[in-house]
PDB file of all heavy atoms in Angstrom:
ATOM      1  N   PHE A   1      70.058  18.318-189.689  1.00  0.00           N
ATOM      2  CA  PHE A   1      68.742  17.770-190.016  1.00  0.00           C
ATOM      3  C   PHE A   1      67.780  17.957-188.848  1.00  0.00           C
ATOM      4  O   PHE A   1      66.624  18.307-189.040  1.00  0.00           O
ATOM      5  CB  PHE A   1      68.828  16.282-190.363  1.00  0.00           C
ATOM      6  CG  PHE A   1      69.425  16.015-191.710  1.00  0.00           C
ATOM      7  CD1 PHE A   1      70.562  15.236-191.817  1.00  0.00           C
ATOM      8  CD2 PHE A   1      68.867  16.523-192.860  1.00  0.00           C
ATOM      9  CE1 PHE A   1      71.122  14.972-193.051  1.00  0.00           C
ATOM     10  CE2 PHE A   1      69.415  16.270-194.108  1.00  0.00           C
ATOM     11  CZ  PHE A   1      70.552  15.495-194.198  1.00  0.00           C
ATOM     12  N   LEU A   2      68.270  17.721-187.633  1.00  0.00           N
ATOM     13  CA  LEU A   2      67.403  17.863-186.466  1.00  0.00           C
ATOM     14  C   LEU A   2      66.986  19.303-186.260  1.00  0.00           C
ATOM     15  O   LEU A   2      65.880  19.584-185.803  1.00  0.00           O
ATOM     16  CB  LEU A   2      68.109  17.336-185.215  1.00  0.00           C
ATOM     17  CG  LEU A   2      68.239  15.824-185.162  1.00  0.00           C
ATOM     18  CD1 LEU A   2      69.139  15.404-184.015  1.00  0.00           C
ATOM     19  CD2 LEU A   2      66.881  15.180-185.022  1.00  0.00           C
ATOM     20  N   PHE A   3      67.860  20.235-186.589  1.00  0.00           N
ATOM     21  CA  PHE A   3      67.515  21.638-186.445  1.00  0.00           C
ATOM     22  C   PHE A   3      66.485  22.053-187.490  1.00  0.00           C
ATOM     23  O   PHE A   3      65.630  22.880-187.226  1.00  0.00           O
ATOM     24  CB  PHE A   3      68.770  22.507-186.556  1.00  0.00           C
ATOM     25  CG  PHE A   3      68.499  23.959-186.314  1.00  0.00           C
ATOM     26  CD1 PHE A   3      68.215  24.415-185.043  1.00  0.00           C
ATOM     27  CD2 PHE A   3      68.503  24.862-187.357  1.00  0.00           C
ATOM     28  CE1 PHE A   3      67.955  25.749-184.806  1.00  0.00           C
ATOM     29  CE2 PHE A   3      68.242  26.202-187.140  1.00  0.00           C
ATOM     30  CZ  PHE A   3      67.972  26.648-185.857  1.00  0.00           C
ATOM     31  N   LEU A   4      66.556  21.470-188.682  1.00  0.00           N
ATOM     32  CA  LEU A   4      65.638  21.834-189.748  1.00  0.00           C
ATOM     33  C   LEU A   4      64.251  21.214-189.594  1.00  0.00           C
ATOM     34  O   LEU A   4      63.267  21.780-190.057  1.00  0.00           O
ATOM     35  CB  LEU A   4      66.220  21.439-191.106  1.00  0.00           C
ATOM     36  CG  LEU A   4      67.433  22.244-191.563  1.00  0.00           C
ATOM     37  CD1 LEU A   4      67.962  21.687-192.877  1.00  0.00           C
ATOM     38  CD2 LEU A   4      67.097  23.713-191.705  1.00  0.00           C
ATOM     39  N   LEU A   5      64.157  20.062-188.938  1.00  0.00           N
ATOM     40  CA  LEU A   5      62.855  19.404-188.810  1.00  0.00           C
ATOM     41  C   LEU A   5      61.807  20.284-188.135  1.00  0.00           C
ATOM     42  O   LEU A   5      60.677  20.364-188.622  1.00  0.00           O
ATOM     43  CB  LEU A   5      62.998  18.063-188.093  1.00  0.00           C
ATOM     44  CG  LEU A   5      63.493  16.918-188.973  1.00  0.00           C
ATOM     45  CD1 LEU A   5      63.779  15.685-188.136  1.00  0.00           C
ATOM     46  CD2 LEU A   5      62.518  16.584-190.074  1.00  0.00           C
ATOM     47  N   PRO A   6      62.112  20.985-187.017  1.00  0.00           N
ATOM     48  CA  PRO A   6      61.076  21.851-186.443  1.00  0.00           C
ATOM     49  C   PRO A   6      60.597  22.936-187.403  1.00  0.00           C
ATOM     50  O   PRO A   6      59.445  23.345-187.356  1.00  0.00           O
ATOM     51  CB  PRO A   6      61.757  22.467-185.211  1.00  0.00           C
ATOM     52  CG  PRO A   6      62.819  21.506-184.842  1.00  0.00           C
ATOM     53  CD  PRO A   6      63.287  20.916-186.149  1.00  0.00           C
ATOM     54  N   VAL A   7      61.471  23.408-188.277  1.00  0.00           N
ATOM     55  CA  VAL A   7      61.064  24.406-189.266  1.00  0.00           C
ATOM     56  C   VAL A   7      59.997  23.812-190.188  1.00  0.00           C
ATOM     57  O   VAL A   7      58.985  24.461-190.481  1.00  0.00           O
ATOM     58  CB  VAL A   7      62.287  24.902-190.074  1.00  0.00           C
ATOM     59  CG1 VAL A   7      61.858  25.824-191.204  1.00  0.00           C
ATOM     60  CG2 VAL A   7      63.277  25.601-189.147  1.00  0.00           C
ATOM     61  N   PHE A   8      60.198  22.555-190.621  1.00  0.00           N
ATOM     62  CA  PHE A   8      59.199  21.905-191.465  1.00  0.00           C
ATOM     63  C   PHE A   8      57.899  21.702-190.704  1.00  0.00           C
ATOM     64  O   PHE A   8      56.819  21.843-191.269  1.00  0.00           O
ATOM     65  CB  PHE A   8      59.717  20.565-191.997  1.00  0.00           C
ATOM     66  CG  PHE A   8      60.839  20.719-192.977  1.00  0.00           C
ATOM     67  CD1 PHE A   8      62.058  20.133-192.733  1.00  0.00           C
ATOM     68  CD2 PHE A   8      60.682  21.467-194.134  1.00  0.00           C
ATOM     69  CE1 PHE A   8      63.097  20.279-193.636  1.00  0.00           C
ATOM     70  CE2 PHE A   8      61.710  21.624-195.039  1.00  0.00           C
ATOM     71  CZ  PHE A   8      62.925  21.026-194.781  1.00  0.00           C
ATOM     72  N   PHE A   9      57.989  21.373-189.412  1.00  0.00           N
ATOM     73  CA  PHE A   9      56.777  21.170-188.629  1.00  0.00           C
ATOM     74  C   PHE A   9      56.013  22.472-188.488  1.00  0.00           C
ATOM     75  O   PHE A   9      54.796  22.504-188.559  1.00  0.00           O
ATOM     76  CB  PHE A   9      57.093  20.590-187.260  1.00  0.00           C
ATOM     77  CG  PHE A   9      57.850  19.306-187.350  1.00  0.00           C
ATOM     78  CD1 PHE A   9      58.951  19.079-186.568  1.00  0.00           C
ATOM     79  CD2 PHE A   9      57.485  18.314-188.236  1.00  0.00           C
ATOM     80  CE1 PHE A   9      59.664  17.907-186.657  1.00  0.00           C
ATOM     81  CE2 PHE A   9      58.205  17.136-188.346  1.00  0.00           C
ATOM     82  CZ  PHE A   9      59.285  16.942-187.549  1.00  0.00           C
ATOM     83  N   PHE A  10      56.767  23.579-188.322  1.00  0.00           N
ATOM     84  CA  PHE A  10      56.107  24.877-188.254  1.00  0.00           C
ATOM     85  C   PHE A  10      55.406  25.174-189.576  1.00  0.00           C
ATOM     86  O   PHE A  10      54.269  25.621-189.596  1.00  0.00           O
ATOM     87  CB  PHE A  10      57.107  25.981-187.913  1.00  0.00           C
ATOM     88  CG  PHE A  10      56.518  27.350-188.048  1.00  0.00           C
ATOM     89  CD1 PHE A  10      55.564  27.788-187.144  1.00  0.00           C
ATOM     90  CD2 PHE A  10      56.888  28.187-189.081  1.00  0.00           C
ATOM     91  CE1 PHE A  10      54.991  29.039-187.269  1.00  0.00           C
ATOM     92  CE2 PHE A  10      56.329  29.440-189.213  1.00  0.00           C
ATOM     93  CZ  PHE A  10      55.379  29.872-188.299  1.00  0.00           C
ATOM     94  N   GLN A  11      56.096  24.915-190.680  1.00  0.00           N
ATOM     95  CA  GLN A  11      55.483  25.147-191.984  1.00  0.00           C
ATOM     96  C   GLN A  11      54.246  24.270-192.152  1.00  0.00           C
ATOM     97  O   GLN A  11      53.248  24.698-192.718  1.00  0.00           O
ATOM     98  CB  GLN A  11      56.475  24.869-193.107  1.00  0.00           C
ATOM     99  CG  GLN A  11      57.575  25.894-193.203  1.00  0.00           C
ATOM    100  CD  GLN A  11      58.612  25.510-194.253  1.00  0.00           C
ATOM    101  OE1 GLN A  11      58.709  24.363-194.660  1.00  0.00           O
ATOM    102  NE2 GLN A  11      59.388  26.487-194.680  1.00  0.00           N
ATOM    103  N   MET A  12      54.322  23.051-191.644  1.00  0.00           N
ATOM    104  CA  MET A  12      53.191  22.142-191.785  1.00  0.00           C
ATOM    105  C   MET A  12      52.004  22.649-190.970  1.00  0.00           C
ATOM    106  O   MET A  12      50.876  22.663-191.454  1.00  0.00           O
ATOM    107  CB  MET A  12      53.588  20.738-191.348  1.00  0.00           C
ATOM    108  CG  MET A  12      52.597  19.699-191.775  1.00  0.00           C
ATOM    109  SD  MET A  12      53.253  18.042-191.710  1.00  0.00           S
ATOM    110  CE  MET A  12      54.210  17.966-193.198  1.00  0.00           C
ATOM    111  N   THR A  13      52.235  23.087-189.732  1.00  0.00           N
ATOM    112  CA  THR A  13      51.118  23.590-188.936  1.00  0.00           C
ATOM    113  C   THR A  13      50.603  24.905-189.501  1.00  0.00           C
ATOM    114  O   THR A  13      49.415  25.183-189.437  1.00  0.00           O
ATOM    115  CB  THR A  13      51.513  23.774-187.458  1.00  0.00           C
ATOM    116  OG1 THR A  13      52.643  24.636-187.365  1.00  0.00           O
ATOM    117  CG2 THR A  13      51.827  22.454-186.800  1.00  0.00           C
ATOM    118  N   LYS A  14      51.487  25.717-190.066  1.00  0.00           N
ATOM    119  CA  LYS A  14      51.078  26.963-190.698  1.00  0.00           C
ATOM    120  C   LYS A  14      50.222  26.666-191.924  1.00  0.00           C
ATOM    121  O   LYS A  14      49.304  27.415-192.252  1.00  0.00           O
ATOM    122  CB  LYS A  14      52.307  27.774-191.084  1.00  0.00           C
ATOM    123  CG  LYS A  14      51.999  29.193-191.512  1.00  0.00           C
ATOM    124  CD  LYS A  14      53.272  29.960-191.760  1.00  0.00           C
ATOM    125  CE  LYS A  14      53.776  29.603-193.128  1.00  0.00           C
ATOM    126  NZ  LYS A  14      54.867  30.424-193.610  1.00  0.00           N
ATOM    127  N   SER A  15      50.486  25.557-192.582  1.00  0.00           N
ATOM    128  CA  SER A  15      49.758  25.193-193.794  1.00  0.00           C
ATOM    129  C   SER A  15      48.374  24.635-193.506  1.00  0.00           C
ATOM    130  O   SER A  15      47.667  24.238-194.430  1.00  0.00           O
ATOM    131  CB  SER A  15      50.562  24.174-194.604  1.00  0.00           C
ATOM    132  OG  SER A  15      51.734  24.763-195.078  1.00  0.00           O
ATOM    133  N   VAL A  16      47.977  24.607-192.240  1.00  0.00           N
ATOM    134  CA  VAL A  16      46.627  24.166-191.897  1.00  0.00           C
ATOM    135  C   VAL A  16      45.613  25.021-192.644  1.00  0.00           C
ATOM    136  O   VAL A  16      44.560  24.546-193.050  1.00  0.00           O
ATOM    137  CB  VAL A  16      46.419  24.232-190.363  1.00  0.00           C
ATOM    138  CG1 VAL A  16      44.957  24.162-189.992  1.00  0.00           C
ATOM    139  CG2 VAL A  16      47.191  23.116-189.691  1.00  0.00           C
ATOM    140  N   THR A  17      45.968  26.284-192.869  1.00  0.00           N
ATOM    141  CA  THR A  17      45.056  27.162-193.599  1.00  0.00           C
ATOM    142  C   THR A  17      45.170  26.973-195.104  1.00  0.00           C
ATOM    143  O   THR A  17      44.303  27.425-195.839  1.00  0.00           O
ATOM    144  CB  THR A  17      45.329  28.634-193.239  1.00  0.00           C
ATOM    145  OG1 THR A  17      46.702  28.924-193.505  1.00  0.00           O
ATOM    146  CG2 THR A  17      45.015  28.899-191.778  1.00  0.00           C
ATOM    147  N   ASN A  18      46.250  26.323-195.576  1.00  0.00           N
ATOM    148  CA  ASN A  18      46.448  26.032-197.004  1.00  0.00           C
ATOM    149  C   ASN A  18      46.820  24.562-197.165  1.00  0.00           C
ATOM    150  O   ASN A  18      47.966  24.230-197.427  1.00  0.00           O
ATOM    151  CB  ASN A  18      47.568  26.904-197.591  1.00  0.00           C
ATOM    152  CG  ASN A  18      47.238  28.368-197.558  1.00  0.00           C
ATOM    153  OD1 ASN A  18      46.104  28.749-197.772  1.00  0.00           O
ATOM    154  ND2 ASN A  18      48.227  29.190-197.284  1.00  0.00           N
ATOM    155  N   PRO A  19      45.860  23.653-197.012  1.00  0.00           N
ATOM    156  CA  PRO A  19      46.163  22.222-197.048  1.00  0.00           C
ATOM    157  C   PRO A  19      46.819  21.734-198.328  1.00  0.00           C
ATOM    158  O   PRO A  19      47.487  20.705-198.319  1.00  0.00           O
ATOM    159  CB  PRO A  19      44.790  21.556-196.856  1.00  0.00           C
ATOM    160  CG  PRO A  19      43.947  22.591-196.194  1.00  0.00           C
ATOM    161  CD  PRO A  19      44.458  23.908-196.714  1.00  0.00           C
ATOM    162  N   GLU A  20      46.671  22.465-199.429  1.00  0.00           N
ATOM    163  CA  GLU A  20      47.293  22.019-200.677  1.00  0.00           C
ATOM    164  C   GLU A  20      48.819  22.038-200.589  1.00  0.00           C
ATOM    165  O   GLU A  20      49.497  21.382-201.371  1.00  0.00           O
ATOM    166  CB  GLU A  20      46.811  22.860-201.862  1.00  0.00           C
ATOM    167  CG  GLU A  20      47.161  24.330-201.804  1.00  0.00           C
ATOM    168  CD  GLU A  20      46.191  25.192-200.989  1.00  0.00           C
ATOM    169  OE1 GLU A  20      45.172  24.662-200.498  1.00  0.00           O
ATOM    170  OE2 GLU A  20      46.468  26.385-200.847  1.00  0.00           O
ATOM    171  N   GLU A  21      49.395  22.758-199.625  1.00  0.00           N
ATOM    172  CA  GLU A  21      50.850  22.805-199.451  1.00  0.00           C
ATOM    173  C   GLU A  21      51.379  21.603-198.656  1.00  0.00           C
ATOM    174  O   GLU A  21      52.581  21.356-198.642  1.00  0.00           O
ATOM    175  CB  GLU A  21      51.246  24.086-198.720  1.00  0.00           C
ATOM    176  CG  GLU A  21      50.943  25.357-199.483  1.00  0.00           C
ATOM    177  CD  GLU A  21      51.280  26.602-198.677  1.00  0.00           C
ATOM    178  OE1 GLU A  21      51.952  26.490-197.643  1.00  0.00           O
ATOM    179  OE2 GLU A  21      50.864  27.694-199.101  1.00  0.00           O
ATOM    180  N   LEU A  22      50.507  20.886-197.989  1.00  0.00           N
ATOM    181  CA  LEU A  22      50.929  19.828-197.080  1.00  0.00           C
ATOM    182  C   LEU A  22      51.625  18.670-197.788  1.00  0.00           C
ATOM    183  O   LEU A  22      52.550  18.088-197.240  1.00  0.00           O
ATOM    184  CB  LEU A  22      49.732  19.311-196.281  1.00  0.00           C
ATOM    185  CG  LEU A  22      49.177  20.294-195.252  1.00  0.00           C
ATOM    186  CD1 LEU A  22      47.877  19.754-194.668  1.00  0.00           C
ATOM    187  CD2 LEU A  22      50.178  20.565-194.163  1.00  0.00           C
ATOM    188  N   GLY A  23      51.203  18.323-198.982  1.00  0.00           N
ATOM    189  CA  GLY A  23      51.801  17.194-199.703  1.00  0.00           C
ATOM    190  C   GLY A  23      53.284  17.403-199.943  1.00  0.00           C
ATOM    191  O   GLY A  23      54.107  16.519-199.684  1.00  0.00           O
ATOM    192  N   GLY A  24      53.652  18.570-200.431  1.00  0.00           N
ATOM    193  CA  GLY A  24      55.055  18.882-200.678  1.00  0.00           C
ATOM    194  C   GLY A  24      55.872  18.915-199.403  1.00  0.00           C
ATOM    195  O   GLY A  24      57.003  18.418-199.356  1.00  0.00           O
ATOM    196  N   LEU A  25      55.292  19.490-198.340  1.00  0.00           N
ATOM    197  CA  LEU A  25      55.995  19.542-197.060  1.00  0.00           C
ATOM    198  C   LEU A  25      56.195  18.144-196.485  1.00  0.00           C
ATOM    199  O   LEU A  25      57.261  17.825-195.953  1.00  0.00           O
ATOM    200  CB  LEU A  25      55.228  20.419-196.072  1.00  0.00           C
ATOM    201  CG  LEU A  25      55.215  21.911-196.370  1.00  0.00           C
ATOM    202  CD1 LEU A  25      54.245  22.637-195.450  1.00  0.00           C
ATOM    203  CD2 LEU A  25      56.614  22.491-196.244  1.00  0.00           C
ATOM    204  N   ALA A  26      55.176  17.306-196.594  1.00  0.00           N
ATOM    205  CA  ALA A  26      55.284  15.936-196.085  1.00  0.00           C
ATOM    206  C   ALA A  26      56.340  15.158-196.858  1.00  0.00           C
ATOM    207  O   ALA A  26      57.127  14.406-196.265  1.00  0.00           O
ATOM    208  CB  ALA A  26      53.928  15.236-196.180  1.00  0.00           C
ATOM    209  N   SER A  27      56.389  15.347-198.156  1.00  0.00           N
ATOM    210  CA  SER A  27      57.396  14.675-198.972  1.00  0.00           C
ATOM    211  C   SER A  27      58.802  15.130-198.593  1.00  0.00           C
ATOM    212  O   SER A  27      59.716  14.308-198.450  1.00  0.00           O
ATOM    213  CB  SER A  27      57.122  14.962-200.449  1.00  0.00           C
ATOM    214  OG  SER A  27      58.115  14.382-201.248  1.00  0.00           O
ATOM    215  N   GLN A  28      58.975  16.423-198.410  1.00  0.00           N
ATOM    216  CA  GLN A  28      60.284  16.961-198.030  1.00  0.00           C
ATOM    217  C   GLN A  28      60.701  16.446-196.652  1.00  0.00           C
ATOM    218  O   GLN A  28      61.852  16.062-196.444  1.00  0.00           O
ATOM    219  CB  GLN A  28      60.224  18.485-198.045  1.00  0.00           C
ATOM    220  CG  GLN A  28      61.543  19.159-197.793  1.00  0.00           C
ATOM    221  CD  GLN A  28      61.437  20.673-197.911  1.00  0.00           C
ATOM    222  OE1 GLN A  28      60.361  21.227-198.076  1.00  0.00           O
ATOM    223  NE2 GLN A  28      62.567  21.333-197.818  1.00  0.00           N
ATOM    224  N   MET A  29      59.753  16.422-195.712  1.00  0.00           N
ATOM    225  CA  MET A  29      60.058  15.933-194.374  1.00  0.00           C
ATOM    226  C   MET A  29      60.428  14.448-194.417  1.00  0.00           C
ATOM    227  O   MET A  29      61.354  14.014-193.733  1.00  0.00           O
ATOM    228  CB  MET A  29      58.864  16.139-193.441  1.00  0.00           C
ATOM    229  CG  MET A  29      59.164  15.729-192.011  1.00  0.00           C
ATOM    230  SD  MET A  29      57.748  15.835-190.937  1.00  0.00           S
ATOM    231  CE  MET A  29      56.679  14.617-191.647  1.00  0.00           C
ATOM    232  N   THR A  30      59.750  13.671-195.235  1.00  0.00           N
ATOM    233  CA  THR A  30      60.041  12.252-195.365  1.00  0.00           C
ATOM    234  C   THR A  30      61.454  12.031-195.892  1.00  0.00           C
ATOM    235  O   THR A  30      62.200  11.193-195.366  1.00  0.00           O
ATOM    236  CB  THR A  30      59.004  11.580-196.288  1.00  0.00           C
ATOM    237  OG1 THR A  30      57.705  11.783-195.737  1.00  0.00           O
ATOM    238  CG2 THR A  30      59.266  10.100-196.424  1.00  0.00           C
ATOM    239  N   ASN A  31      61.833  12.788-196.896  1.00  0.00           N
ATOM    240  CA  ASN A  31      63.199  12.682-197.426  1.00  0.00           C
ATOM    241  C   ASN A  31      64.234  13.078-196.383  1.00  0.00           C
ATOM    242  O   ASN A  31      65.251  12.395-196.221  1.00  0.00           O
ATOM    243  CB  ASN A  31      63.358  13.551-198.673  1.00  0.00           C
ATOM    244  CG  ASN A  31      62.611  13.007-199.863  1.00  0.00           C
ATOM    245  OD1 ASN A  31      62.362  11.810-199.960  1.00  0.00           O
ATOM    246  ND2 ASN A  31      62.241  13.883-200.766  1.00  0.00           N
ATOM    247  N   ASP A  32      63.975  14.170-195.680  1.00  0.00           N
ATOM    248  CA  ASP A  32      64.920  14.627-194.659  1.00  0.00           C
ATOM    249  C   ASP A  32      65.027  13.620-193.520  1.00  0.00           C
ATOM    250  O   ASP A  32      66.112  13.385-192.989  1.00  0.00           O
ATOM    251  CB  ASP A  32      64.517  16.000-194.123  1.00  0.00           C
ATOM    252  CG  ASP A  32      64.747  17.097-195.140  1.00  0.00           C
ATOM    253  OD1 ASP A  32      65.530  16.882-196.089  1.00  0.00           O
ATOM    254  OD2 ASP A  32      64.142  18.175-194.995  1.00  0.00           O
ATOM    255  N   TYR A  33      63.894  13.021-193.146  1.00  0.00           N
ATOM    256  CA  TYR A  33      63.960  12.010-192.095  1.00  0.00           C
ATOM    257  C   TYR A  33      64.775  10.801-192.557  1.00  0.00           C
ATOM    258  O   TYR A  33      65.513  10.215-191.762  1.00  0.00           O
ATOM    259  CB  TYR A  33      62.572  11.551-191.623  1.00  0.00           C
ATOM    260  CG  TYR A  33      62.715  10.457-190.605  1.00  0.00           C
ATOM    261  CD1 TYR A  33      63.053  10.757-189.290  1.00  0.00           C
ATOM    262  CD2 TYR A  33      62.604   9.120-190.954  1.00  0.00           C
ATOM    263  CE1 TYR A  33      63.261   9.765-188.359  1.00  0.00           C
ATOM    264  CE2 TYR A  33      62.812   8.112-190.036  1.00  0.00           C
ATOM    265  CZ  TYR A  33      63.132   8.442-188.737  1.00  0.00           C
ATOM    266  OH  TYR A  33      63.356   7.452-187.820  1.00  0.00           O
ATOM    267  N   GLY A  34      64.656  10.431-193.824  1.00  0.00           N
ATOM    268  CA  GLY A  34      65.450   9.316-194.346  1.00  0.00           C
ATOM    269  C   GLY A  34      66.938   9.580-194.180  1.00  0.00           C
ATOM    270  O   GLY A  34      67.693   8.697-193.749  1.00  0.00           O
ATOM    271  N   HIS A  35      67.367  10.796-194.493  1.00  0.00           N
ATOM    272  CA  HIS A  35      68.777  11.161-194.296  1.00  0.00           C
ATOM    273  C   HIS A  35      69.136  11.139-192.812  1.00  0.00           C
ATOM    274  O   HIS A  35      70.210  10.658-192.426  1.00  0.00           O
ATOM    275  CB  HIS A  35      69.064  12.545-194.873  1.00  0.00           C
ATOM    276  CG  HIS A  35      68.907  12.625-196.357  1.00  0.00           C
ATOM    277  ND1 HIS A  35      69.698  11.915-197.234  1.00  0.00           N
ATOM    278  CD2 HIS A  35      68.042  13.344-197.124  1.00  0.00           C
ATOM    279  CE1 HIS A  35      69.330  12.184-198.470  1.00  0.00           C
ATOM    280  NE2 HIS A  35      68.317  13.042-198.436  1.00  0.00           N
ATOM    281  N   LEU A  36      68.241  11.653-191.999  1.00  0.00           N
ATOM    282  CA  LEU A  36      68.470  11.668-190.555  1.00  0.00           C
ATOM    283  C   LEU A  36      68.617  10.252-190.011  1.00  0.00           C
ATOM    284  O   LEU A  36      69.494   9.981-189.187  1.00  0.00           O
ATOM    285  CB  LEU A  36      67.317  12.380-189.850  1.00  0.00           C
ATOM    286  CG  LEU A  36      67.314  12.291-188.327  1.00  0.00           C
ATOM    287  CD1 LEU A  36      68.360  13.233-187.754  1.00  0.00           C
ATOM    288  CD2 LEU A  36      65.951  12.631-187.779  1.00  0.00           C
ATOM    289  N   ALA A  37      67.778   9.335-190.471  1.00  0.00           N
ATOM    290  CA  ALA A  37      67.843   7.949-189.996  1.00  0.00           C
ATOM    291  C   ALA A  37      69.182   7.308-190.341  1.00  0.00           C
ATOM    292  O   ALA A  37      69.768   6.591-189.515  1.00  0.00           O
ATOM    293  CB  ALA A  37      66.689   7.136-190.584  1.00  0.00           C
ATOM    294  N   LEU A  38      69.684   7.562-191.554  1.00  0.00           N
ATOM    295  CA  LEU A  38      70.993   7.017-191.927  1.00  0.00           C
ATOM    296  C   LEU A  38      72.102   7.586-191.049  1.00  0.00           C
ATOM    297  O   LEU A  38      72.963   6.848-190.557  1.00  0.00           O
ATOM    298  CB  LEU A  38      71.285   7.312-193.403  1.00  0.00           C
ATOM    299  CG  LEU A  38      70.472   6.539-194.420  1.00  0.00           C
ATOM    300  CD1 LEU A  38      70.746   7.059-195.829  1.00  0.00           C
ATOM    301  CD2 LEU A  38      70.780   5.055-194.335  1.00  0.00           C
TER     302      LEU A  38
END
C-alpha cells in the first residue's frame, strides 16, 4: 500500500490538467489509506 500511494499522488498531480479525474483518484486513495491504516 505504501508503495502504491506515491503512484496515486503522481496521478493526482498529473490530473491537475484534467481536474475531472481527481474525484475518482481521491476516492481510490481514501480506500487505500483505509486499508493502510488497518
